[in-house]
């Protein structure tokens, strides 16, 4: 199954709205770090429902925000969730970004980068469209150190890239980025039941669930072009 087919199906049954609910607990902290200034151009790579771009428009006065997704249905839904003329949605491939060189101030990606067919080349494309000094904020929950995410590949028919934190840094640098920061943002808002309620449908032990959300959380890697 292609990325387009997979996420067209997600959008058709409303799972795009659920993305925001699942990701917001850590995404909001990463978004708050982005040095977006009034008038800046932002690309939301793998935008899903488009929530991140809307937040940056509403809270940071970003200029033009483009949400790019490989799924036409995702992009169509995202467009329907706002009447903001400063936000546009595109259908495109991560390997060939539909922008000229040095035209974007900041790129954001949450839980989508690992779907890239050639992630090393995607990084080169992101570096190409960013202006000098522009930033790429790449947030993922599916990564090597987060052992509780490894089974996700079995639940989806798309090949996913599972890099370690060190491999992210290495790939960013190989694409020409300076790695400004990298850390794990814990999810402190997902409620963890008391020990007496385990095992649950998804977790055998409370310790495993606590480790997943409070220790591993979301890996954020920030590159500067």
N, C-alpha and C. Protein backbone atom coordinates (compact mmCIF):
# COMPACT_ATOMS: atom_id res chain seq x y z
N UNK A 1 0.84 -1.20 0.00
CA UNK A 1 0.00 0.00 0.00
C UNK A 1 0.88 1.25 0.00
N UNK A 2 0.47 2.26 -0.74
CA UNK A 2 1.23 3.50 -0.80
C UNK A 2 0.85 4.42 0.35
N UNK A 3 1.71 5.43 0.59
CA UNK A 3 1.40 6.44 1.61
C UNK A 3 0.07 7.11 1.28
N UNK A 4 -0.14 7.40 0.00
CA UNK A 4 -1.38 8.05 -0.41
C UNK A 4 -2.59 7.19 -0.06
N UNK A 5 -2.55 5.92 -0.40
CA UNK A 5 -3.68 5.03 -0.13
C UNK A 5 -3.93 4.88 1.36
N UNK A 6 -2.86 4.70 2.13
CA UNK A 6 -3.00 4.51 3.57
C UNK A 6 -3.67 5.71 4.22
N UNK A 7 -3.17 6.90 3.90
CA UNK A 7 -3.66 8.06 4.62
C UNK A 7 -4.90 8.69 4.00
N UNK A 8 -5.18 8.36 2.75
CA UNK A 8 -6.50 8.70 2.22
C UNK A 8 -7.56 7.95 3.02
N UNK A 9 -7.27 6.69 3.36
CA UNK A 9 -8.22 5.90 4.15
C UNK A 9 -8.37 6.48 5.55
N UNK A 10 -7.26 6.91 6.14
CA UNK A 10 -7.34 7.54 7.46
C UNK A 10 -8.23 8.78 7.42
N UNK A 11 -8.02 9.61 6.41
CA UNK A 11 -8.78 10.85 6.30
C UNK A 11 -10.26 10.57 6.07
N UNK A 12 -10.54 9.54 5.27
CA UNK A 12 -11.93 9.23 4.93
C UNK A 12 -12.74 8.81 6.15
N UNK A 13 -12.09 8.14 7.13
CA UNK A 13 -12.85 7.70 8.30
C UNK A 13 -12.61 8.58 9.53
N UNK A 14 -12.01 9.76 9.30
CA UNK A 14 -11.90 10.74 10.38
C UNK A 14 -10.72 10.62 11.29
N UNK A 15 -9.79 9.72 10.98
CA UNK A 15 -8.65 9.55 11.86
C UNK A 15 -7.66 10.71 11.80
N UNK A 16 -7.81 11.59 10.82
CA UNK A 16 -6.92 12.75 10.76
C UNK A 16 -7.12 13.66 11.96
N UNK A 17 -8.37 13.81 12.41
CA UNK A 17 -8.62 14.66 13.58
C UNK A 17 -8.02 14.05 14.84
N UNK A 18 -7.96 12.75 14.90
CA UNK A 18 -7.37 12.09 16.06
C UNK A 18 -5.88 12.31 16.18
N UNK A 19 -5.22 12.62 15.05
CA UNK A 19 -3.77 12.87 15.09
C UNK A 19 -3.45 14.02 16.04
N UNK A 20 -4.24 15.09 15.93
CA UNK A 20 -3.99 16.25 16.79
C UNK A 20 -4.13 15.87 18.26
N UNK A 21 -5.16 15.12 18.60
CA UNK A 21 -5.36 14.72 19.99
C UNK A 21 -4.19 13.89 20.51
N UNK A 22 -3.68 12.99 19.67
CA UNK A 22 -2.58 12.12 20.11
C UNK A 22 -1.25 12.86 20.21
N UNK A 23 -1.02 13.81 19.33
CA UNK A 23 0.30 14.42 19.24
C UNK A 23 0.46 15.72 20.03
N UNK A 24 -0.66 16.35 20.36
CA UNK A 24 -0.61 17.69 20.92
C UNK A 24 0.16 17.76 22.24
N UNK A 25 0.12 16.70 23.05
CA UNK A 25 0.74 16.73 24.36
C UNK A 25 2.23 17.08 24.28
N UNK A 26 2.91 16.62 23.25
CA UNK A 26 4.33 16.96 23.09
C UNK A 26 4.56 17.96 21.96
N UNK A 27 3.70 17.94 20.95
CA UNK A 27 3.89 18.85 19.82
C UNK A 27 3.86 20.30 20.27
N UNK A 28 2.99 20.63 21.21
CA UNK A 28 2.87 22.03 21.63
C UNK A 28 4.16 22.55 22.24
N UNK A 29 4.90 21.67 22.93
CA UNK A 29 6.16 22.10 23.52
C UNK A 29 7.23 22.33 22.45
N UNK A 30 7.25 21.45 21.45
CA UNK A 30 8.20 21.62 20.36
C UNK A 30 7.87 22.87 19.54
N UNK A 31 6.59 23.06 19.24
CA UNK A 31 6.17 24.23 18.47
C UNK A 31 6.52 25.53 19.19
N UNK A 32 6.42 25.52 20.52
CA UNK A 32 6.71 26.74 21.28
C UNK A 32 8.17 27.15 21.18
N UNK A 33 9.05 26.20 20.84
CA UNK A 33 10.48 26.49 20.72
C UNK A 33 10.86 27.09 19.36
N UNK A 34 9.99 26.91 18.38
CA UNK A 34 10.35 27.36 17.03
C UNK A 34 10.50 28.88 16.99
N UNK A 35 11.60 29.39 16.42
CA UNK A 35 11.84 30.84 16.39
C UNK A 35 11.09 31.53 15.26
N UNK A 36 9.78 31.29 15.19
CA UNK A 36 8.96 31.87 14.13
C UNK A 36 8.66 33.32 14.46
N UNK A 37 8.95 34.20 13.52
CA UNK A 37 8.68 35.62 13.70
C UNK A 37 7.54 36.04 12.78
N UNK A 38 6.87 37.15 13.10
CA UNK A 38 5.77 37.61 12.25
C UNK A 38 6.20 37.73 10.78
N UNK A 39 5.40 37.15 9.92
CA UNK A 39 5.68 37.21 8.49
C UNK A 39 6.49 36.07 7.93
N UNK A 40 7.04 35.20 8.80
CA UNK A 40 7.87 34.09 8.32
C UNK A 40 7.02 33.09 7.52
N UNK A 41 7.69 32.44 6.57
CA UNK A 41 7.07 31.38 5.79
C UNK A 41 7.41 30.03 6.41
N UNK A 42 6.39 29.21 6.62
CA UNK A 42 6.56 27.92 7.30
C UNK A 42 5.99 26.81 6.43
N UNK A 43 6.71 25.71 6.38
CA UNK A 43 6.24 24.49 5.70
C UNK A 43 5.99 23.43 6.75
N UNK A 44 4.77 22.89 6.76
CA UNK A 44 4.40 21.78 7.63
C UNK A 44 4.46 20.52 6.79
N UNK A 45 5.50 19.72 7.01
CA UNK A 45 5.79 18.56 6.17
C UNK A 45 5.07 17.33 6.71
N UNK A 46 4.11 16.82 5.92
CA UNK A 46 3.26 15.73 6.41
C UNK A 46 2.24 16.30 7.36
N UNK A 47 1.46 17.26 6.87
CA UNK A 47 0.66 18.12 7.75
C UNK A 47 -0.55 17.43 8.37
N UNK A 48 -1.03 16.32 7.80
CA UNK A 48 -2.22 15.69 8.35
C UNK A 48 -3.39 16.65 8.38
N UNK A 49 -3.96 16.85 9.56
CA UNK A 49 -5.12 17.74 9.69
C UNK A 49 -4.75 19.21 9.63
N UNK A 50 -3.45 19.51 9.63
CA UNK A 50 -3.02 20.90 9.50
C UNK A 50 -3.00 21.69 10.78
N UNK A 51 -3.14 21.01 11.93
CA UNK A 51 -3.25 21.74 13.19
C UNK A 51 -2.01 22.58 13.52
N UNK A 52 -0.82 22.07 13.21
CA UNK A 52 0.41 22.78 13.58
C UNK A 52 0.51 24.12 12.86
N UNK A 53 0.22 24.12 11.57
CA UNK A 53 0.27 25.37 10.82
C UNK A 53 -0.73 26.38 11.33
N UNK A 54 -1.91 25.92 11.67
CA UNK A 54 -2.93 26.82 12.20
C UNK A 54 -2.49 27.44 13.52
N UNK A 55 -1.84 26.64 14.36
CA UNK A 55 -1.34 27.15 15.64
C UNK A 55 -0.29 28.24 15.40
N UNK A 56 0.62 28.01 14.47
CA UNK A 56 1.67 29.00 14.22
C UNK A 56 1.11 30.28 13.62
N UNK A 57 0.06 30.18 12.86
CA UNK A 57 -0.61 31.38 12.35
C UNK A 57 -1.30 32.13 13.49
N UNK A 58 -1.96 31.39 14.36
CA UNK A 58 -2.77 32.01 15.40
C UNK A 58 -1.93 32.60 16.53
N UNK A 59 -0.83 31.93 16.88
CA UNK A 59 -0.07 32.33 18.07
C UNK A 59 1.23 33.04 17.77
N UNK A 60 1.79 32.85 16.56
CA UNK A 60 3.10 33.44 16.25
C UNK A 60 3.04 34.41 15.08
N UNK A 61 1.86 34.60 14.53
CA UNK A 61 1.67 35.52 13.41
C UNK A 61 2.57 35.15 12.23
N UNK A 62 2.73 33.84 12.01
CA UNK A 62 3.49 33.40 10.83
C UNK A 62 2.84 33.99 9.58
N UNK A 63 3.66 34.25 8.57
CA UNK A 63 3.14 34.85 7.35
C UNK A 63 2.36 33.84 6.54
N UNK A 64 3.03 33.18 5.63
CA UNK A 64 2.39 32.15 4.83
C UNK A 64 2.76 30.79 5.38
N UNK A 65 1.76 29.94 5.59
CA UNK A 65 2.00 28.57 6.06
C UNK A 65 1.50 27.61 5.00
N UNK A 66 2.38 26.69 4.60
CA UNK A 66 2.03 25.66 3.63
C UNK A 66 2.01 24.31 4.33
N UNK A 67 0.92 23.60 4.21
CA UNK A 67 0.85 22.23 4.69
C UNK A 67 0.97 21.29 3.50
N UNK A 68 1.94 20.40 3.54
CA UNK A 68 2.15 19.46 2.44
C UNK A 68 1.90 18.05 2.95
N UNK A 69 1.13 17.29 2.20
CA UNK A 69 0.85 15.91 2.57
C UNK A 69 0.80 15.04 1.33
N UNK A 70 1.16 13.78 1.47
CA UNK A 70 1.11 12.86 0.35
C UNK A 70 -0.29 12.36 0.05
N UNK A 71 -1.23 12.66 0.93
CA UNK A 71 -2.61 12.20 0.78
C UNK A 71 -3.53 13.33 0.34
N UNK A 72 -4.13 13.24 -0.84
CA UNK A 72 -5.07 14.28 -1.27
C UNK A 72 -6.23 14.46 -0.31
N UNK A 73 -6.70 13.37 0.30
CA UNK A 73 -7.82 13.47 1.23
C UNK A 73 -7.43 14.20 2.51
N UNK A 74 -6.20 13.96 2.97
CA UNK A 74 -5.71 14.69 4.14
C UNK A 74 -5.66 16.18 3.84
N UNK A 75 -5.07 16.53 2.69
CA UNK A 75 -4.96 17.94 2.33
C UNK A 75 -6.33 18.57 2.16
N UNK A 76 -7.26 17.83 1.59
CA UNK A 76 -8.62 18.35 1.39
C UNK A 76 -9.30 18.58 2.74
N UNK A 77 -9.17 17.63 3.63
CA UNK A 77 -9.76 17.81 4.96
C UNK A 77 -9.15 19.00 5.69
N UNK A 78 -7.81 19.10 5.64
CA UNK A 78 -7.13 20.19 6.33
C UNK A 78 -7.63 21.54 5.84
N UNK A 79 -7.83 21.65 4.54
CA UNK A 79 -8.33 22.89 3.95
C UNK A 79 -9.73 23.23 4.50
N UNK A 80 -10.53 22.20 4.73
CA UNK A 80 -11.90 22.42 5.20
C UNK A 80 -11.97 22.83 6.66
N UNK A 81 -10.86 22.66 7.41
CA UNK A 81 -10.87 22.96 8.83
C UNK A 81 -10.55 24.42 9.12
N UNK A 82 -10.26 25.22 8.09
CA UNK A 82 -9.92 26.63 8.31
C UNK A 82 -10.37 27.47 7.13
N UNK A 83 -10.68 28.72 7.40
CA UNK A 83 -10.96 29.68 6.33
C UNK A 83 -9.87 30.74 6.25
N UNK A 84 -8.72 30.45 6.85
CA UNK A 84 -7.59 31.37 6.87
C UNK A 84 -6.91 31.40 5.51
N UNK A 85 -6.92 32.55 4.88
CA UNK A 85 -6.31 32.68 3.54
C UNK A 85 -4.79 32.63 3.58
N UNK A 86 -4.21 32.73 4.77
CA UNK A 86 -2.75 32.68 4.88
C UNK A 86 -2.21 31.26 4.98
N UNK A 87 -3.09 30.28 4.94
CA UNK A 87 -2.69 28.88 5.02
C UNK A 87 -3.10 28.17 3.75
N UNK A 88 -2.16 27.47 3.14
CA UNK A 88 -2.45 26.72 1.93
C UNK A 88 -2.04 25.27 2.09
N UNK A 89 -2.69 24.37 1.37
CA UNK A 89 -2.41 22.94 1.49
C UNK A 89 -2.08 22.36 0.12
N UNK A 90 -1.02 21.57 0.10
CA UNK A 90 -0.50 21.00 -1.14
C UNK A 90 -0.42 19.49 -1.03
N UNK A 91 -0.58 18.81 -2.15
CA UNK A 91 -0.34 17.38 -2.23
C UNK A 91 1.02 17.21 -2.89
N UNK A 92 1.93 16.51 -2.23
CA UNK A 92 3.27 16.39 -2.79
C UNK A 92 4.07 15.28 -2.17
N UNK A 93 5.22 15.03 -2.77
CA UNK A 93 6.12 13.97 -2.36
C UNK A 93 7.26 14.56 -1.56
N UNK A 94 7.63 13.90 -0.47
CA UNK A 94 8.73 14.37 0.36
C UNK A 94 10.05 14.41 -0.41
N UNK A 95 10.17 13.62 -1.48
CA UNK A 95 11.43 13.53 -2.22
C UNK A 95 11.61 14.66 -3.22
N UNK A 96 10.51 15.34 -3.56
CA UNK A 96 10.60 16.46 -4.52
C UNK A 96 9.68 17.56 -3.99
N UNK A 97 10.18 18.41 -3.11
CA UNK A 97 9.36 19.46 -2.52
C UNK A 97 9.07 20.53 -3.57
N UNK A 98 7.80 20.93 -3.70
CA UNK A 98 7.41 21.87 -4.77
C UNK A 98 7.69 23.33 -4.42
N UNK A 99 8.95 23.62 -4.09
CA UNK A 99 9.35 24.97 -3.73
C UNK A 99 10.70 25.28 -4.35
N UNK A 100 10.93 26.56 -4.63
CA UNK A 100 12.24 26.99 -5.09
C UNK A 100 13.24 26.96 -3.93
N UNK A 101 14.50 27.17 -4.25
CA UNK A 101 15.53 27.20 -3.22
C UNK A 101 15.39 28.45 -2.35
N UNK A 102 15.78 28.31 -1.09
CA UNK A 102 15.90 29.44 -0.16
C UNK A 102 14.62 30.27 -0.07
N UNK A 103 13.48 29.59 0.08
CA UNK A 103 12.21 30.31 0.08
C UNK A 103 11.42 30.15 1.38
N UNK A 104 11.80 29.18 2.22
CA UNK A 104 11.06 28.86 3.45
C UNK A 104 11.92 29.22 4.66
N UNK A 105 11.29 29.81 5.68
CA UNK A 105 12.03 30.18 6.89
C UNK A 105 12.14 29.03 7.88
N UNK A 106 11.08 28.23 7.99
CA UNK A 106 11.08 27.13 8.97
C UNK A 106 10.27 25.96 8.42
N UNK A 107 10.73 24.76 8.73
CA UNK A 107 10.01 23.54 8.38
C UNK A 107 9.70 22.78 9.66
N UNK A 108 8.47 22.31 9.73
CA UNK A 108 8.01 21.52 10.88
C UNK A 108 7.55 20.17 10.38
N UNK A 109 7.83 19.11 11.15
CA UNK A 109 7.31 17.79 10.81
C UNK A 109 7.07 17.02 12.10
N UNK A 110 5.84 16.52 12.26
CA UNK A 110 5.49 15.75 13.46
C UNK A 110 4.95 14.40 13.05
N UNK A 111 5.63 13.34 13.43
CA UNK A 111 5.18 11.98 13.19
C UNK A 111 4.91 11.68 11.72
N UNK A 112 5.78 12.18 10.85
CA UNK A 112 5.61 11.90 9.43
C UNK A 112 6.93 11.66 8.70
N UNK A 113 8.03 12.18 9.24
CA UNK A 113 9.30 12.10 8.52
C UNK A 113 9.69 10.66 8.20
N UNK A 114 9.39 9.74 9.10
CA UNK A 114 9.82 8.35 8.91
C UNK A 114 9.05 7.63 7.81
N UNK A 115 8.04 8.28 7.21
CA UNK A 115 7.36 7.70 6.07
C UNK A 115 8.06 8.03 4.74
N UNK A 116 9.06 8.88 4.77
CA UNK A 116 9.77 9.25 3.54
C UNK A 116 10.40 8.02 2.90
N UNK A 117 10.26 7.91 1.59
CA UNK A 117 10.86 6.78 0.87
C UNK A 117 12.37 6.80 0.98
N UNK A 118 12.96 7.99 0.88
CA UNK A 118 14.41 8.17 0.98
C UNK A 118 14.65 9.31 1.95
N UNK A 119 14.69 9.03 3.26
CA UNK A 119 14.77 10.10 4.25
C UNK A 119 16.02 10.97 4.13
N UNK A 120 17.14 10.38 3.71
CA UNK A 120 18.35 11.18 3.55
C UNK A 120 18.15 12.24 2.46
N UNK A 121 17.49 11.83 1.37
CA UNK A 121 17.22 12.79 0.30
C UNK A 121 16.18 13.82 0.73
N UNK A 122 15.20 13.40 1.52
CA UNK A 122 14.21 14.35 2.03
C UNK A 122 14.90 15.45 2.84
N UNK A 123 15.88 15.08 3.64
CA UNK A 123 16.64 16.09 4.39
C UNK A 123 17.35 17.06 3.44
N UNK A 124 17.88 16.54 2.35
CA UNK A 124 18.53 17.41 1.36
C UNK A 124 17.52 18.37 0.74
N UNK A 125 16.31 17.87 0.49
CA UNK A 125 15.26 18.72 -0.06
C UNK A 125 14.85 19.80 0.94
N UNK A 126 14.73 19.43 2.20
CA UNK A 126 14.38 20.42 3.22
C UNK A 126 15.47 21.49 3.30
N UNK A 127 16.73 21.06 3.28
CA UNK A 127 17.84 22.02 3.32
C UNK A 127 17.82 22.93 2.09
N UNK A 128 17.43 22.39 0.96
CA UNK A 128 17.40 23.17 -0.29
C UNK A 128 16.38 24.30 -0.22
N UNK A 129 15.19 24.03 0.32
CA UNK A 129 14.14 25.05 0.31
C UNK A 129 14.27 26.05 1.45
N UNK A 130 15.06 25.71 2.48
CA UNK A 130 15.22 26.62 3.60
C UNK A 130 16.18 27.76 3.27
N UNK A 131 15.86 28.94 3.76
CA UNK A 131 16.77 30.06 3.67
C UNK A 131 17.94 29.82 4.63
N UNK A 132 19.11 30.42 4.35
CA UNK A 132 20.23 30.29 5.31
C UNK A 132 19.79 30.74 6.70
N UNK A 133 20.06 29.91 7.69
CA UNK A 133 19.63 30.21 9.05
C UNK A 133 18.26 29.68 9.37
N UNK A 134 17.56 29.12 8.38
CA UNK A 134 16.25 28.54 8.62
C UNK A 134 16.35 27.26 9.40
N UNK A 135 15.26 26.85 10.03
CA UNK A 135 15.29 25.70 10.93
C UNK A 135 14.35 24.59 10.48
N UNK A 136 14.74 23.37 10.82
CA UNK A 136 13.89 22.19 10.62
C UNK A 136 13.65 21.55 11.97
N UNK A 137 12.41 21.57 12.43
CA UNK A 137 12.01 20.94 13.68
C UNK A 137 11.34 19.61 13.34
N UNK A 138 12.05 18.53 13.61
CA UNK A 138 11.60 17.19 13.24
C UNK A 138 11.28 16.40 14.51
N UNK A 139 10.00 16.07 14.69
CA UNK A 139 9.55 15.39 15.91
C UNK A 139 9.01 14.01 15.55
N UNK A 140 9.48 12.98 16.24
CA UNK A 140 9.04 11.60 15.97
C UNK A 140 8.87 10.84 17.28
N UNK A 141 7.87 9.98 17.32
CA UNK A 141 7.71 9.04 18.43
C UNK A 141 8.24 7.65 18.07
N UNK A 142 8.36 7.41 16.77
CA UNK A 142 8.86 6.12 16.28
C UNK A 142 10.36 6.26 16.04
N UNK A 143 11.15 5.79 17.01
CA UNK A 143 12.61 5.86 16.86
C UNK A 143 13.24 4.73 17.69
N UNK A 144 14.49 4.46 17.43
CA UNK A 144 15.13 3.24 17.92
C UNK A 144 15.09 3.12 19.44
N UNK A 145 15.41 4.18 20.15
CA UNK A 145 15.47 4.09 21.60
C UNK A 145 14.10 3.82 22.23
N UNK A 146 13.06 4.26 21.56
CA UNK A 146 11.71 4.03 22.08
C UNK A 146 11.27 2.61 21.71
N UNK A 147 11.66 1.67 22.53
CA UNK A 147 11.40 0.26 22.23
C UNK A 147 9.90 -0.03 22.15
N UNK A 148 9.10 0.79 22.78
CA UNK A 148 7.66 0.56 22.79
C UNK A 148 7.00 0.97 21.47
N UNK A 149 7.76 1.59 20.59
CA UNK A 149 7.23 1.96 19.27
C UNK A 149 7.57 0.94 18.19
N UNK A 150 8.44 0.01 18.48
CA UNK A 150 8.95 -0.88 17.43
C UNK A 150 7.87 -1.70 16.76
N UNK A 151 6.83 -2.04 17.47
CA UNK A 151 5.77 -2.88 16.91
C UNK A 151 4.86 -2.11 15.95
N UNK A 152 5.01 -0.79 15.88
CA UNK A 152 4.13 0.00 15.02
C UNK A 152 4.23 -0.42 13.56
N UNK A 153 5.43 -0.82 13.14
CA UNK A 153 5.61 -1.22 11.75
C UNK A 153 4.70 -2.38 11.38
N UNK A 154 4.40 -3.24 12.34
CA UNK A 154 3.54 -4.40 12.06
C UNK A 154 2.09 -4.01 11.83
N UNK A 155 1.71 -2.79 12.21
CA UNK A 155 0.32 -2.36 12.13
C UNK A 155 0.01 -1.53 10.89
N UNK A 156 1.02 -1.31 10.05
CA UNK A 156 0.84 -0.45 8.89
C UNK A 156 1.57 -1.07 7.70
N UNK A 157 1.02 -0.88 6.51
CA UNK A 157 1.58 -1.52 5.33
C UNK A 157 2.63 -0.68 4.61
N UNK A 158 3.00 0.45 5.19
CA UNK A 158 4.01 1.33 4.61
C UNK A 158 5.33 1.08 5.32
N UNK A 159 6.43 1.03 4.56
CA UNK A 159 7.75 0.89 5.18
C UNK A 159 8.09 2.17 5.94
N UNK A 160 8.56 2.00 7.18
CA UNK A 160 8.92 3.13 8.02
C UNK A 160 10.40 3.05 8.36
N UNK A 161 11.03 4.21 8.48
CA UNK A 161 12.45 4.28 8.83
C UNK A 161 12.59 4.51 10.33
N UNK A 162 13.25 3.58 11.00
CA UNK A 162 13.44 3.70 12.45
C UNK A 162 14.91 4.00 12.74
N UNK A 163 15.21 5.28 12.88
CA UNK A 163 16.57 5.72 13.21
C UNK A 163 16.71 5.92 14.71
N UNK A 164 17.94 5.83 15.17
CA UNK A 164 18.27 6.20 16.54
C UNK A 164 18.50 7.71 16.59
N UNK A 165 18.59 8.25 17.80
CA UNK A 165 18.88 9.67 17.94
C UNK A 165 20.20 10.02 17.26
N UNK A 166 21.20 9.18 17.42
CA UNK A 166 22.50 9.43 16.80
C UNK A 166 22.40 9.40 15.27
N UNK A 167 21.59 8.48 14.75
CA UNK A 167 21.43 8.41 13.29
C UNK A 167 20.71 9.64 12.75
N UNK A 168 19.78 10.19 13.52
CA UNK A 168 19.15 11.45 13.11
C UNK A 168 20.20 12.56 13.04
N UNK A 169 21.02 12.68 14.06
CA UNK A 169 22.05 13.72 14.05
C UNK A 169 22.99 13.54 12.86
N UNK A 170 23.43 12.32 12.64
CA UNK A 170 24.35 12.04 11.54
C UNK A 170 23.73 12.39 10.19
N UNK A 171 22.47 12.01 9.99
CA UNK A 171 21.80 12.27 8.72
C UNK A 171 21.57 13.77 8.51
N UNK A 172 21.21 14.47 9.57
CA UNK A 172 21.03 15.92 9.46
C UNK A 172 22.33 16.58 9.02
N UNK A 173 23.42 16.20 9.65
CA UNK A 173 24.72 16.81 9.32
C UNK A 173 25.15 16.46 7.90
N UNK A 174 24.87 15.23 7.48
CA UNK A 174 25.23 14.82 6.13
C UNK A 174 24.47 15.63 5.08
N UNK A 175 23.27 16.10 5.42
CA UNK A 175 22.46 16.90 4.50
C UNK A 175 22.84 18.37 4.54
N UNK A 176 23.77 18.74 5.42
CA UNK A 176 24.23 20.13 5.47
C UNK A 176 23.69 20.94 6.63
N UNK A 177 22.96 20.30 7.54
CA UNK A 177 22.43 21.01 8.70
C UNK A 177 23.44 21.06 9.84
N UNK A 178 23.38 22.11 10.62
CA UNK A 178 23.99 22.11 11.94
C UNK A 178 22.90 21.64 12.90
N UNK A 179 23.22 20.69 13.77
CA UNK A 179 22.24 20.20 14.73
C UNK A 179 22.28 21.13 15.94
N UNK A 180 21.22 21.92 16.08
CA UNK A 180 21.18 22.93 17.15
C UNK A 180 20.79 22.31 18.48
N UNK A 181 19.91 21.32 18.44
CA UNK A 181 19.51 20.65 19.68
C UNK A 181 18.83 19.33 19.34
N UNK A 182 18.83 18.48 20.34
CA UNK A 182 18.10 17.22 20.23
C UNK A 182 17.79 16.74 21.64
N UNK A 183 16.52 16.45 21.88
CA UNK A 183 16.15 15.90 23.17
C UNK A 183 14.81 15.18 23.06
N UNK A 184 14.45 14.48 24.12
CA UNK A 184 13.17 13.80 24.18
C UNK A 184 12.22 14.62 25.04
N UNK A 185 11.04 14.90 24.49
CA UNK A 185 10.03 15.67 25.20
C UNK A 185 9.05 14.69 25.83
N UNK A 186 9.00 14.60 27.15
CA UNK A 186 8.09 13.64 27.78
C UNK A 186 6.64 14.06 27.62
N UNK A 187 5.79 13.07 27.55
CA UNK A 187 4.35 13.30 27.54
C UNK A 187 3.86 13.16 28.98
N UNK A 188 3.55 14.28 29.59
CA UNK A 188 3.14 14.28 30.99
C UNK A 188 1.62 14.36 31.15
N UNK A 189 0.89 14.33 30.02
CA UNK A 189 -0.55 14.51 30.10
C UNK A 189 -1.35 13.23 29.87
N UNK A 190 -0.76 12.24 29.20
CA UNK A 190 -1.45 10.97 29.08
C UNK A 190 -1.59 10.38 30.48
N UNK A 191 -2.80 10.03 30.84
CA UNK A 191 -3.05 9.51 32.19
C UNK A 191 -2.57 8.06 32.30
N UNK A 192 -1.79 7.81 33.32
CA UNK A 192 -1.28 6.46 33.56
C UNK A 192 -2.03 5.87 34.76
N UNK A 193 -2.80 4.81 34.53
CA UNK A 193 -3.63 4.23 35.61
C UNK A 193 -2.78 3.67 36.75
N UNK A 194 -3.38 3.45 37.89
CA UNK A 194 -2.64 2.84 39.00
C UNK A 194 -2.26 1.39 38.69
N UNK A 195 -1.28 0.89 39.40
CA UNK A 195 -0.74 -0.44 39.16
C UNK A 195 -1.84 -1.51 39.20
N UNK A 196 -2.85 -1.30 40.02
CA UNK A 196 -3.91 -2.30 40.19
C UNK A 196 -4.73 -2.53 38.93
N UNK A 197 -4.65 -1.61 37.96
CA UNK A 197 -5.44 -1.73 36.74
C UNK A 197 -4.70 -2.40 35.58
N UNK A 198 -3.48 -2.84 35.83
CA UNK A 198 -2.70 -3.51 34.79
C UNK A 198 -2.79 -5.02 34.98
N UNK A 199 -2.67 -5.76 33.86
CA UNK A 199 -2.46 -5.31 32.48
C UNK A 199 -3.72 -4.71 31.86
N UNK A 200 -3.51 -3.81 30.90
CA UNK A 200 -4.61 -3.22 30.15
C UNK A 200 -4.63 -3.86 28.76
N UNK A 201 -5.49 -3.36 27.87
CA UNK A 201 -5.54 -3.91 26.52
C UNK A 201 -4.24 -3.67 25.76
N UNK A 202 -3.54 -2.59 26.12
CA UNK A 202 -2.33 -2.24 25.37
C UNK A 202 -1.03 -2.42 26.15
N UNK A 203 -1.11 -2.47 27.48
CA UNK A 203 0.10 -2.48 28.28
C UNK A 203 0.08 -3.63 29.29
N UNK A 204 1.19 -4.35 29.36
CA UNK A 204 1.33 -5.42 30.33
C UNK A 204 1.61 -4.88 31.72
N UNK A 205 2.47 -3.84 31.79
CA UNK A 205 2.86 -3.31 33.09
C UNK A 205 2.76 -1.78 33.10
N UNK A 206 2.59 -1.25 34.29
CA UNK A 206 2.58 0.21 34.46
C UNK A 206 3.96 0.79 34.16
N UNK A 207 5.00 0.05 34.50
CA UNK A 207 6.36 0.52 34.27
C UNK A 207 6.61 0.76 32.78
N UNK A 208 6.12 -0.15 31.94
CA UNK A 208 6.32 0.00 30.50
C UNK A 208 5.58 1.23 29.98
N UNK A 209 4.36 1.43 30.42
CA UNK A 209 3.60 2.59 29.96
C UNK A 209 4.24 3.88 30.44
N UNK A 210 4.70 3.88 31.67
CA UNK A 210 5.37 5.07 32.22
C UNK A 210 6.63 5.39 31.43
N UNK A 211 7.40 4.36 31.10
CA UNK A 211 8.63 4.57 30.34
C UNK A 211 8.32 5.14 28.96
N UNK A 212 7.29 4.60 28.31
CA UNK A 212 6.92 5.07 26.97
C UNK A 212 6.61 6.56 26.97
N UNK A 213 5.78 6.99 27.90
CA UNK A 213 5.32 8.38 27.86
C UNK A 213 6.20 9.35 28.63
N UNK A 214 6.68 8.94 29.78
CA UNK A 214 7.43 9.88 30.62
C UNK A 214 8.93 9.92 30.32
N UNK A 215 9.47 8.80 29.81
CA UNK A 215 10.90 8.76 29.51
C UNK A 215 11.20 9.02 28.04
N UNK A 216 10.58 8.24 27.17
CA UNK A 216 10.90 8.35 25.74
C UNK A 216 10.13 9.48 25.06
N UNK A 217 8.85 9.56 25.25
CA UNK A 217 8.08 10.66 24.69
C UNK A 217 8.35 10.86 23.22
N UNK A 218 8.59 12.10 22.84
CA UNK A 218 8.83 12.47 21.44
C UNK A 218 10.27 12.92 21.26
N UNK A 219 10.96 12.34 20.29
CA UNK A 219 12.32 12.75 19.98
C UNK A 219 12.27 13.96 19.06
N UNK A 220 12.86 15.07 19.48
CA UNK A 220 12.92 16.29 18.67
C UNK A 220 14.36 16.53 18.25
N UNK A 221 14.56 16.64 16.94
CA UNK A 221 15.86 17.01 16.39
C UNK A 221 15.70 18.33 15.64
N UNK A 222 16.55 19.30 15.95
CA UNK A 222 16.45 20.63 15.34
C UNK A 222 17.70 20.88 14.50
N UNK A 223 17.50 21.09 13.21
CA UNK A 223 18.60 21.41 12.31
C UNK A 223 18.51 22.85 11.84
N UNK A 224 19.67 23.48 11.66
CA UNK A 224 19.75 24.84 11.14
C UNK A 224 20.46 24.81 9.79
N UNK A 225 19.82 25.39 8.78
CA UNK A 225 20.41 25.38 7.44
C UNK A 225 21.56 26.39 7.37
